[in-house]
């Protein structure tokens, strides 16, 4: 079965960019990549719009995502990121197209 890619698209004031990068690298990404079924995790910053970031996580299955969403690690990430004033996130999930 194909892996599932989960994007968390974050819009935040450019003045918060350094905070977002530090928080993600130091706290959020290490928590996520330790979760069973998380294959990879990357943070991208949009070159066309520096106020936009995308967390790209590749997961082995929807079950792995569901376990992560119910985990203390996910709760911790939500707590950490809620403190970023002016930030808004949208989550989209994609299946890899095979063949």
PDB file of N, CA and C in Angstrom:
ATOM      1  N   UNK A   1       0.841  -1.187   0.000  1.00  0.00           N
ATOM      2  CA  UNK A   1       0.000   0.000   0.000  1.00  0.00           C
ATOM      3  C   UNK A   1       0.884   1.248   0.000  1.00  0.00           C
ATOM      4  N   UNK A   2       0.454   2.289  -0.689  1.00  0.00           N
ATOM      5  CA  UNK A   2       1.198   3.543  -0.791  1.00  0.00           C
ATOM      6  C   UNK A   2       1.186   4.285   0.542  1.00  0.00           C
ATOM      7  N   UNK A   3       2.246   5.013   0.761  1.00  0.00           N
ATOM      8  CA  UNK A   3       2.318   5.860   1.957  1.00  0.00           C
ATOM      9  C   UNK A   3       1.355   7.026   1.823  1.00  0.00           C
ATOM     10  N   UNK A   4       1.075   7.657   2.946  1.00  0.00           N
ATOM     11  CA  UNK A   4       0.188   8.809   2.994  1.00  0.00           C
ATOM     12  C   UNK A   4       1.020  10.023   3.388  1.00  0.00           C
ATOM     13  N   UNK A   5       0.800  11.132   2.707  1.00  0.00           N
ATOM     14  CA  UNK A   5       1.518  12.362   2.978  1.00  0.00           C
ATOM     15  C   UNK A   5       0.555  13.342   3.640  1.00  0.00           C
ATOM     16  N   UNK A   6       0.989  13.888   4.752  1.00  0.00           N
ATOM     17  CA  UNK A   6       0.163  14.842   5.499  1.00  0.00           C
ATOM     18  C   UNK A   6       0.866  16.196   5.485  1.00  0.00           C
ATOM     19  N   UNK A   7       0.152  17.222   4.996  1.00  0.00           N
ATOM     20  CA  UNK A   7       0.687  18.584   4.965  1.00  0.00           C
ATOM     21  C   UNK A   7      -0.025  19.421   6.021  1.00  0.00           C
ATOM     22  N   UNK A   8       0.753  20.115   6.817  1.00  0.00           N
ATOM     23  CA  UNK A   8       0.202  21.122   7.712  1.00  0.00           C
ATOM     24  C   UNK A   8       0.713  22.452   7.172  1.00  0.00           C
ATOM     25  N   UNK A   9      -0.199  23.234   6.612  1.00  0.00           N
ATOM     26  CA  UNK A   9       0.146  24.508   5.984  1.00  0.00           C
ATOM     27  C   UNK A   9      -0.091  25.606   7.011  1.00  0.00           C
ATOM     28  N   UNK A  10       0.971  26.334   7.331  1.00  0.00           N
ATOM     29  CA  UNK A  10       0.911  27.356   8.374  1.00  0.00           C
ATOM     30  C   UNK A  10       1.123  28.728   7.760  1.00  0.00           C
ATOM     31  N   UNK A  11       0.198  29.635   8.033  1.00  0.00           N
ATOM     32  CA  UNK A  11       0.334  31.048   7.679  1.00  0.00           C
ATOM     33  C   UNK A  11       0.597  31.784   8.980  1.00  0.00           C
ATOM     34  N   UNK A  12       1.644  32.599   8.992  1.00  0.00           N
ATOM     35  CA  UNK A  12       1.986  33.345  10.202  1.00  0.00           C
ATOM     36  C   UNK A  12       2.671  34.636   9.806  1.00  0.00           C
ATOM     37  N   UNK A  13       2.612  35.634  10.664  1.00  0.00           N
ATOM     38  CA  UNK A  13       3.325  36.866  10.358  1.00  0.00           C
ATOM     39  C   UNK A  13       4.813  36.582  10.127  1.00  0.00           C
ATOM     40  N   UNK A  14       5.401  37.270   9.161  1.00  0.00           N
ATOM     41  CA  UNK A  14       6.819  37.067   8.842  1.00  0.00           C
ATOM     42  C   UNK A  14       7.682  37.301  10.077  1.00  0.00           C
ATOM     43  N   UNK A  15       7.238  38.169  10.956  1.00  0.00           N
ATOM     44  CA  UNK A  15       8.004  38.458  12.174  1.00  0.00           C
ATOM     45  C   UNK A  15       8.098  37.245  13.101  1.00  0.00           C
ATOM     46  N   UNK A  16       7.264  36.238  12.887  1.00  0.00           N
ATOM     47  CA  UNK A  16       7.279  35.021  13.723  1.00  0.00           C
ATOM     48  C   UNK A  16       8.035  33.879  13.054  1.00  0.00           C
ATOM     49  N   UNK A  17       8.589  34.103  11.870  1.00  0.00           N
ATOM     50  CA  UNK A  17       9.236  33.042  11.095  1.00  0.00           C
ATOM     51  C   UNK A  17      10.361  32.350  11.854  1.00  0.00           C
ATOM     52  N   UNK A  18      11.235  33.123  12.473  1.00  0.00           N
ATOM     53  CA  UNK A  18      12.337  32.526  13.225  1.00  0.00           C
ATOM     54  C   UNK A  18      11.837  31.648  14.349  1.00  0.00           C
ATOM     55  N   UNK A  19      10.798  32.092  15.040  1.00  0.00           N
ATOM     56  CA  UNK A  19      10.201  31.320  16.125  1.00  0.00           C
ATOM     57  C   UNK A  19       9.621  30.003  15.604  1.00  0.00           C
ATOM     58  N   UNK A  20       8.931  30.066  14.468  1.00  0.00           N
ATOM     59  CA  UNK A  20       8.345  28.861  13.882  1.00  0.00           C
ATOM     60  C   UNK A  20       9.442  27.867  13.510  1.00  0.00           C
ATOM     61  N   UNK A  21      10.485  28.343  12.847  1.00  0.00           N
ATOM     62  CA  UNK A  21      11.578  27.453  12.448  1.00  0.00           C
ATOM     63  C   UNK A  21      12.244  26.806  13.657  1.00  0.00           C
ATOM     64  N   UNK A  22      12.552  27.595  14.681  1.00  0.00           N
ATOM     65  CA  UNK A  22      13.198  27.045  15.898  1.00  0.00           C
ATOM     66  C   UNK A  22      12.300  26.032  16.594  1.00  0.00           C
ATOM     67  N   UNK A  23      11.024  26.393  16.773  1.00  0.00           N
ATOM     68  CA  UNK A  23      10.077  25.526  17.461  1.00  0.00           C
ATOM     69  C   UNK A  23       9.933  24.197  16.732  1.00  0.00           C
ATOM     70  N   UNK A  24       9.817  24.277  15.399  1.00  0.00           N
ATOM     71  CA  UNK A  24       9.624  23.047  14.632  1.00  0.00           C
ATOM     72  C   UNK A  24      10.857  22.155  14.691  1.00  0.00           C
ATOM     73  N   UNK A  25      12.025  22.741  14.466  1.00  0.00           N
ATOM     74  CA  UNK A  25      13.268  21.952  14.448  1.00  0.00           C
ATOM     75  C   UNK A  25      13.608  21.389  15.824  1.00  0.00           C
ATOM     76  N   UNK A  26      13.422  22.204  16.858  1.00  0.00           N
ATOM     77  CA  UNK A  26      13.833  21.819  18.209  1.00  0.00           C
ATOM     78  C   UNK A  26      12.829  20.890  18.899  1.00  0.00           C
ATOM     79  N   UNK A  27      11.531  21.148  18.701  1.00  0.00           N
ATOM     80  CA  UNK A  27      10.515  20.453  19.491  1.00  0.00           C
ATOM     81  C   UNK A  27       9.575  19.564  18.678  1.00  0.00           C
ATOM     82  N   UNK A  28       8.956  20.126  17.659  1.00  0.00           N
ATOM     83  CA  UNK A  28       7.877  19.413  16.960  1.00  0.00           C
ATOM     84  C   UNK A  28       8.376  18.267  16.082  1.00  0.00           C
ATOM     85  N   UNK A  29       9.315  18.540  15.203  1.00  0.00           N
ATOM     86  CA  UNK A  29       9.799  17.493  14.292  1.00  0.00           C
ATOM     87  C   UNK A  29      10.371  16.296  15.049  1.00  0.00           C
ATOM     88  N   UNK A  30      11.198  16.496  16.093  1.00  0.00           N
ATOM     89  CA  UNK A  30      11.706  15.330  16.822  1.00  0.00           C
ATOM     90  C   UNK A  30      10.599  14.485  17.455  1.00  0.00           C
ATOM     91  N   UNK A  31       9.547  15.122  17.945  1.00  0.00           N
ATOM     92  CA  UNK A  31       8.425  14.358  18.501  1.00  0.00           C
ATOM     93  C   UNK A  31       7.720  13.551  17.423  1.00  0.00           C
ATOM     94  N   UNK A  32       7.496  14.175  16.277  1.00  0.00           N
ATOM     95  CA  UNK A  32       6.756  13.507  15.213  1.00  0.00           C
ATOM     96  C   UNK A  32       7.536  12.328  14.632  1.00  0.00           C
ATOM     97  N   UNK A  33       8.809  12.526  14.347  1.00  0.00           N
ATOM     98  CA  UNK A  33       9.585  11.479  13.669  1.00  0.00           C
ATOM     99  C   UNK A  33       9.763  10.250  14.561  1.00  0.00           C
ATOM    100  N   UNK A  34       9.589  10.403  15.852  1.00  0.00           N
ATOM    101  CA  UNK A  34       9.684   9.262  16.774  1.00  0.00           C
ATOM    102  C   UNK A  34       8.419   8.408  16.774  1.00  0.00           C
ATOM    103  N   UNK A  35       7.354   8.896  16.167  1.00  0.00           N
ATOM    104  CA  UNK A  35       6.085   8.173  16.204  1.00  0.00           C
ATOM    105  C   UNK A  35       6.118   6.969  15.274  1.00  0.00           C
ATOM    106  N   UNK A  36       5.590   5.833  15.732  1.00  0.00           N
ATOM    107  CA  UNK A  36       5.547   4.648  14.876  1.00  0.00           C
ATOM    108  C   UNK A  36       4.792   4.947  13.580  1.00  0.00           C
ATOM    109  N   UNK A  37       5.403   4.617  12.466  1.00  0.00           N
ATOM    110  CA  UNK A  37       4.774   4.825  11.173  1.00  0.00           C
ATOM    111  C   UNK A  37       5.130   6.135  10.504  1.00  0.00           C
ATOM    112  N   UNK A  38       5.819   7.039  11.216  1.00  0.00           N
ATOM    113  CA  UNK A  38       6.257   8.285  10.586  1.00  0.00           C
ATOM    114  C   UNK A  38       7.554   7.992   9.839  1.00  0.00           C
ATOM    115  N   UNK A  39       7.508   8.094   8.528  1.00  0.00           N
ATOM    116  CA  UNK A  39       8.637   7.756   7.670  1.00  0.00           C
ATOM    117  C   UNK A  39       9.611   8.927   7.553  1.00  0.00           C
ATOM    118  N   UNK A  40       9.060  10.134   7.401  1.00  0.00           N
ATOM    119  CA  UNK A  40       9.906  11.335   7.319  1.00  0.00           C
ATOM    120  C   UNK A  40       9.078  12.558   7.670  1.00  0.00           C
ATOM    121  N   UNK A  41       9.779  13.612   8.028  1.00  0.00           N
ATOM    122  CA  UNK A  41       9.139  14.875   8.398  1.00  0.00           C
ATOM    123  C   UNK A  41      10.065  16.007   7.955  1.00  0.00           C
ATOM    124  N   UNK A  42       9.508  16.971   7.254  1.00  0.00           N
ATOM    125  CA  UNK A  42      10.285  18.112   6.777  1.00  0.00           C
ATOM    126  C   UNK A  42       9.468  19.385   6.951  1.00  0.00           C
ATOM    127  N   UNK A  43      10.160  20.488   7.184  1.00  0.00           N
ATOM    128  CA  UNK A  43       9.508  21.786   7.229  1.00  0.00           C
ATOM    129  C   UNK A  43       9.996  22.589   6.027  1.00  0.00           C
ATOM    130  N   UNK A  44       9.050  23.084   5.232  1.00  0.00           N
ATOM    131  CA  UNK A  44       9.361  23.873   4.051  1.00  0.00           C
ATOM    132  C   UNK A  44       8.889  25.307   4.278  1.00  0.00           C
ATOM    133  N   UNK A  45       9.678  26.260   3.780  1.00  0.00           N
ATOM    134  CA  UNK A  45       9.255  27.659   3.807  1.00  0.00           C
ATOM    135  C   UNK A  45       9.048  28.102   2.367  1.00  0.00           C
ATOM    136  N   UNK A  46       7.929  28.733   2.113  1.00  0.00           N
ATOM    137  CA  UNK A  46       7.567  29.154   0.759  1.00  0.00           C
ATOM    138  C   UNK A  46       8.468  30.295   0.306  1.00  0.00           C
ATOM    139  N   UNK A  47       9.080  30.125  -0.853  1.00  0.00           N
ATOM    140  CA  UNK A  47       9.926  31.173  -1.421  1.00  0.00           C
ATOM    141  C   UNK A  47       9.100  32.330  -1.968  1.00  0.00           C
ATOM    142  N   UNK A  48       7.890  32.040  -2.418  1.00  0.00           N
ATOM    143  CA  UNK A  48       7.015  33.068  -2.980  1.00  0.00           C
ATOM    144  C   UNK A  48       6.267  33.859  -1.909  1.00  0.00           C
ATOM    145  N   UNK A  49       6.080  33.250  -0.745  1.00  0.00           N
ATOM    146  CA  UNK A  49       5.343  33.878   0.354  1.00  0.00           C
ATOM    147  C   UNK A  49       6.021  33.482   1.661  1.00  0.00           C
ATOM    148  N   UNK A  50       6.949  34.302   2.169  1.00  0.00           N
ATOM    149  CA  UNK A  50       7.713  33.928   3.360  1.00  0.00           C
ATOM    150  C   UNK A  50       6.896  33.813   4.643  1.00  0.00           C
ATOM    151  N   UNK A  51       5.602  34.122   4.561  1.00  0.00           N
ATOM    152  CA  UNK A  51       4.745  33.935   5.732  1.00  0.00           C
ATOM    153  C   UNK A  51       4.117  32.540   5.758  1.00  0.00           C
ATOM    154  N   UNK A  52       4.443  31.709   4.763  1.00  0.00           N
ATOM    155  CA  UNK A  52       3.841  30.371   4.672  1.00  0.00           C
ATOM    156  C   UNK A  52       4.901  29.282   4.858  1.00  0.00           C
ATOM    157  N   UNK A  53       4.557  28.334   5.703  1.00  0.00           N
ATOM    158  CA  UNK A  53       5.370  27.141   5.940  1.00  0.00           C
ATOM    159  C   UNK A  53       4.507  25.919   5.673  1.00  0.00           C
ATOM    160  N   UNK A  54       5.154  24.812   5.310  1.00  0.00           N
ATOM    161  CA  UNK A  54       4.438  23.546   5.161  1.00  0.00           C
ATOM    162  C   UNK A  54       5.241  22.468   5.862  1.00  0.00           C
ATOM    163  N   UNK A  55       4.606  21.819   6.811  1.00  0.00           N
ATOM    164  CA  UNK A  55       5.178  20.623   7.424  1.00  0.00           C
ATOM    165  C   UNK A  55       4.727  19.454   6.559  1.00  0.00           C
ATOM    166  N   UNK A  56       5.684  18.703   6.029  1.00  0.00           N
ATOM    167  CA  UNK A  56       5.389  17.561   5.177  1.00  0.00           C
ATOM    168  C   UNK A  56       5.803  16.305   5.930  1.00  0.00           C
ATOM    169  N   UNK A  57       4.833  15.480   6.256  1.00  0.00           N
ATOM    170  CA  UNK A  57       5.120  14.232   6.967  1.00  0.00           C
ATOM    171  C   UNK A  57       4.629  13.065   6.115  1.00  0.00           C
ATOM    172  N   UNK A  58       5.498  12.092   5.942  1.00  0.00           N
ATOM    173  CA  UNK A  58       5.142  10.875   5.216  1.00  0.00           C
ATOM    174  C   UNK A  58       4.875   9.780   6.245  1.00  0.00           C
ATOM    175  N   UNK A  59       3.730   9.134   6.104  1.00  0.00           N
ATOM    176  CA  UNK A  59       3.293   8.109   7.056  1.00  0.00           C
ATOM    177  C   UNK A  59       3.097   6.785   6.341  1.00  0.00           C
ATOM    178  N   UNK A  60       3.328   5.708   7.068  1.00  0.00           N
ATOM    179  CA  UNK A  60       3.191   4.364   6.508  1.00  0.00           C
ATOM    180  C   UNK A  60       1.733   3.997   6.237  1.00  0.00           C
ATOM    181  N   UNK A  61       0.800   4.572   7.006  1.00  0.00           N
ATOM    182  CA  UNK A  61      -0.612   4.212   6.845  1.00  0.00           C
ATOM    183  C   UNK A  61      -1.503   5.239   7.540  1.00  0.00           C
ATOM    184  N   UNK A  62      -2.786   5.183   7.227  1.00  0.00           N
ATOM    185  CA  UNK A  62      -3.747   6.033   7.923  1.00  0.00           C
ATOM    186  C   UNK A  62      -3.839   5.630   9.390  1.00  0.00           C
ATOM    187  N   UNK A  63      -3.703   4.348   9.687  1.00  0.00           N
ATOM    188  CA  UNK A  63      -3.718   3.898  11.080  1.00  0.00           C
ATOM    189  C   UNK A  63      -2.597   4.546  11.878  1.00  0.00           C
ATOM    190  N   UNK A  64      -1.414   4.670  11.275  1.00  0.00           N
ATOM    191  CA  UNK A  64      -0.289   5.315  11.950  1.00  0.00           C
ATOM    192  C   UNK A  64      -0.609   6.784  12.232  1.00  0.00           C
ATOM    193  N   UNK A  65      -1.240   7.455  11.277  1.00  0.00           N
ATOM    194  CA  UNK A  65      -1.642   8.846  11.493  1.00  0.00           C
ATOM    195  C   UNK A  65      -2.659   8.929  12.619  1.00  0.00           C
ATOM    196  N   UNK A  66      -3.640   8.050  12.602  1.00  0.00           N
ATOM    197  CA  UNK A  66      -4.679   8.061  13.634  1.00  0.00           C
ATOM    198  C   UNK A  66      -4.086   7.830  15.025  1.00  0.00           C
ATOM    199  N   UNK A  67      -3.119   6.908  15.122  1.00  0.00           N
ATOM    200  CA  UNK A  67      -2.459   6.670  16.415  1.00  0.00           C
ATOM    201  C   UNK A  67      -1.695   7.917  16.859  1.00  0.00           C
ATOM    202  N   UNK A  68      -1.015   8.552  15.918  1.00  0.00           N
ATOM    203  CA  UNK A  68      -0.291   9.783  16.238  1.00  0.00           C
ATOM    204  C   UNK A  68      -1.253  10.872  16.720  1.00  0.00           C
ATOM    205  N   UNK A  69      -2.372  11.053  16.019  1.00  0.00           N
ATOM    206  CA  UNK A  69      -3.332  12.095  16.386  1.00  0.00           C
ATOM    207  C   UNK A  69      -3.922  11.876  17.771  1.00  0.00           C
ATOM    208  N   UNK A  70      -3.951  10.627  18.234  1.00  0.00           N
ATOM    209  CA  UNK A  70      -4.467  10.301  19.566  1.00  0.00           C
ATOM    210  C   UNK A  70      -3.362  10.259  20.624  1.00  0.00           C
ATOM    211  N   UNK A  71      -2.138  10.562  20.232  1.00  0.00           N
ATOM    212  CA  UNK A  71      -0.985  10.388  21.134  1.00  0.00           C
ATOM    213  C   UNK A  71      -0.695  11.634  21.964  1.00  0.00           C
ATOM    214  N   UNK A  72       0.008  11.437  23.084  1.00  0.00           N
ATOM    215  CA  UNK A  72       0.489  12.578  23.870  1.00  0.00           C
ATOM    216  C   UNK A  72       1.438  13.479  23.067  1.00  0.00           C
ATOM    217  N   UNK A  73       2.186  12.922  22.128  1.00  0.00           N
ATOM    218  CA  UNK A  73       3.103  13.718  21.310  1.00  0.00           C
ATOM    219  C   UNK A  73       2.320  14.752  20.495  1.00  0.00           C
ATOM    220  N   UNK A  74       1.196  14.341  19.916  1.00  0.00           N
ATOM    221  CA  UNK A  74       0.384  15.281  19.144  1.00  0.00           C
ATOM    222  C   UNK A  74      -0.189  16.364  20.047  1.00  0.00           C
ATOM    223  N   UNK A  75      -0.641  15.994  21.221  1.00  0.00           N
ATOM    224  CA  UNK A  75      -1.151  16.988  22.177  1.00  0.00           C
ATOM    225  C   UNK A  75      -0.056  17.982  22.549  1.00  0.00           C
ATOM    226  N   UNK A  76       1.160  17.485  22.728  1.00  0.00           N
ATOM    227  CA  UNK A  76       2.282  18.353  23.073  1.00  0.00           C
ATOM    228  C   UNK A  76       2.592  19.320  21.923  1.00  0.00           C
ATOM    229  N   UNK A  77       2.574  18.834  20.696  1.00  0.00           N
ATOM    230  CA  UNK A  77       2.817  19.691  19.538  1.00  0.00           C
ATOM    231  C   UNK A  77       1.732  20.772  19.437  1.00  0.00           C
ATOM    232  N   UNK A  78       0.478  20.397  19.655  1.00  0.00           N
ATOM    233  CA  UNK A  78      -0.601  21.385  19.610  1.00  0.00           C
ATOM    234  C   UNK A  78      -0.398  22.455  20.679  1.00  0.00           C
ATOM    235  N   UNK A  79       0.002  22.053  21.867  1.00  0.00           N
ATOM    236  CA  UNK A  79       0.244  23.000  22.951  1.00  0.00           C
ATOM    237  C   UNK A  79       1.385  23.947  22.597  1.00  0.00           C
ATOM    238  N   UNK A  80       2.456  23.406  22.054  1.00  0.00           N
ATOM    239  CA  UNK A  80       3.612  24.228  21.685  1.00  0.00           C
ATOM    240  C   UNK A  80       3.277  25.243  20.595  1.00  0.00           C
ATOM    241  N   UNK A  81       2.511  24.826  19.603  1.00  0.00           N
ATOM    242  CA  UNK A  81       2.255  25.698  18.451  1.00  0.00           C
ATOM    243  C   UNK A  81       1.118  26.688  18.684  1.00  0.00           C
ATOM    244  N   UNK A  82       0.277  26.439  19.654  1.00  0.00           N
ATOM    245  CA  UNK A  82      -0.826  27.380  19.926  1.00  0.00           C
ATOM    246  C   UNK A  82      -0.316  28.725  20.420  1.00  0.00           C
ATOM    247  N   UNK A  83       0.913  28.766  20.914  1.00  0.00           N
ATOM    248  CA  UNK A  83       1.469  30.004  21.430  1.00  0.00           C
ATOM    249  C   UNK A  83       1.988  30.945  20.362  1.00  0.00           C
ATOM    250  N   UNK A  84       1.906  30.573  19.095  1.00  0.00           N
ATOM    251  CA  UNK A  84       2.405  31.433  18.020  1.00  0.00           C
ATOM    252  C   UNK A  84       1.278  32.390  17.610  1.00  0.00           C
ATOM    253  N   UNK A  85       1.383  33.611  18.074  1.00  0.00           N
ATOM    254  CA  UNK A  85       0.354  34.618  17.827  1.00  0.00           C
ATOM    255  C   UNK A  85       0.224  34.920  16.334  1.00  0.00           C
ATOM    256  N   UNK A  86      -1.003  34.897  15.859  1.00  0.00           N
ATOM    257  CA  UNK A  86      -1.280  35.243  14.472  1.00  0.00           C
ATOM    258  C   UNK A  86      -1.118  34.108  13.483  1.00  0.00           C
ATOM    259  N   UNK A  87      -0.804  32.917  13.959  1.00  0.00           N
ATOM    260  CA  UNK A  87      -0.617  31.773  13.062  1.00  0.00           C
ATOM    261  C   UNK A  87      -1.925  31.019  12.877  1.00  0.00           C
ATOM    262  N   UNK A  88      -2.113  30.502  11.676  1.00  0.00           N
ATOM    263  CA  UNK A  88      -3.277  29.664  11.366  1.00  0.00           C
ATOM    264  C   UNK A  88      -2.794  28.482  10.551  1.00  0.00           C
ATOM    265  N   UNK A  89      -3.357  27.313  10.824  1.00  0.00           N
ATOM    266  CA  UNK A  89      -2.918  26.095  10.135  1.00  0.00           C
ATOM    267  C   UNK A  89      -4.080  25.421   9.425  1.00  0.00           C
ATOM    268  N   UNK A  90      -3.750  24.825   8.282  1.00  0.00           N
ATOM    269  CA  UNK A  90      -4.680  24.000   7.519  1.00  0.00           C
ATOM    270  C   UNK A  90      -3.998  22.660   7.298  1.00  0.00           C
ATOM    271  N   UNK A  91      -4.734  21.566   7.502  1.00  0.00           N
ATOM    272  CA  UNK A  91      -4.171  20.227   7.331  1.00  0.00           C
ATOM    273  C   UNK A  91      -4.804  19.584   6.105  1.00  0.00           C
ATOM    274  N   UNK A  92      -3.933  19.003   5.265  1.00  0.00           N
ATOM    275  CA  UNK A  92      -4.407  18.263   4.085  1.00  0.00           C
ATOM    276  C   UNK A  92      -3.656  16.939   4.036  1.00  0.00           C
ATOM    277  N   UNK A  93      -4.373  15.889   3.654  1.00  0.00           N
ATOM    278  CA  UNK A  93      -3.791  14.552   3.599  1.00  0.00           C
ATOM    279  C   UNK A  93      -3.896  14.023   2.175  1.00  0.00           C
ATOM    280  N   UNK A  94      -2.796  13.446   1.700  1.00  0.00           N
ATOM    281  CA  UNK A  94      -2.716  12.989   0.316  1.00  0.00           C
ATOM    282  C   UNK A  94      -2.257  11.531   0.265  1.00  0.00           C
ATOM    283  N   UNK A  95      -2.768  10.792  -0.684  1.00  0.00           N
ATOM    284  CA  UNK A  95      -2.282   9.446  -0.954  1.00  0.00           C
ATOM    285  C   UNK A  95      -1.347   9.525  -2.142  1.00  0.00           C
ATOM    286  N   UNK A  96      -0.258   8.776  -2.074  1.00  0.00           N
ATOM    287  CA  UNK A  96       0.665   8.723  -3.209  1.00  0.00           C
ATOM    288  C   UNK A  96      -0.015   7.965  -4.355  1.00  0.00           C
ATOM    289  N   UNK A  97       0.139   8.484  -5.539  1.00  0.00           N
ATOM    290  CA  UNK A  97      -0.410   7.835  -6.719  1.00  0.00           C
ATOM    291  C   UNK A  97       0.651   6.868  -7.235  1.00  0.00           C
ATOM    292  N   UNK A  98       0.261   5.626  -7.336  1.00  0.00           N
ATOM    293  CA  UNK A  98       1.212   4.603  -7.793  1.00  0.00           C
ATOM    294  C   UNK A  98       1.023   4.332  -9.288  1.00  0.00           C
ATOM    295  N   UNK A  99       2.130   3.857  -9.887  1.00  0.00           N
ATOM    296  CA  UNK A  99       2.049   3.408 -11.263  1.00  0.00           C
ATOM    297  C   UNK A  99       2.221   4.433 -12.248  1.00  0.00           C
TER     298      UNK A  99
END
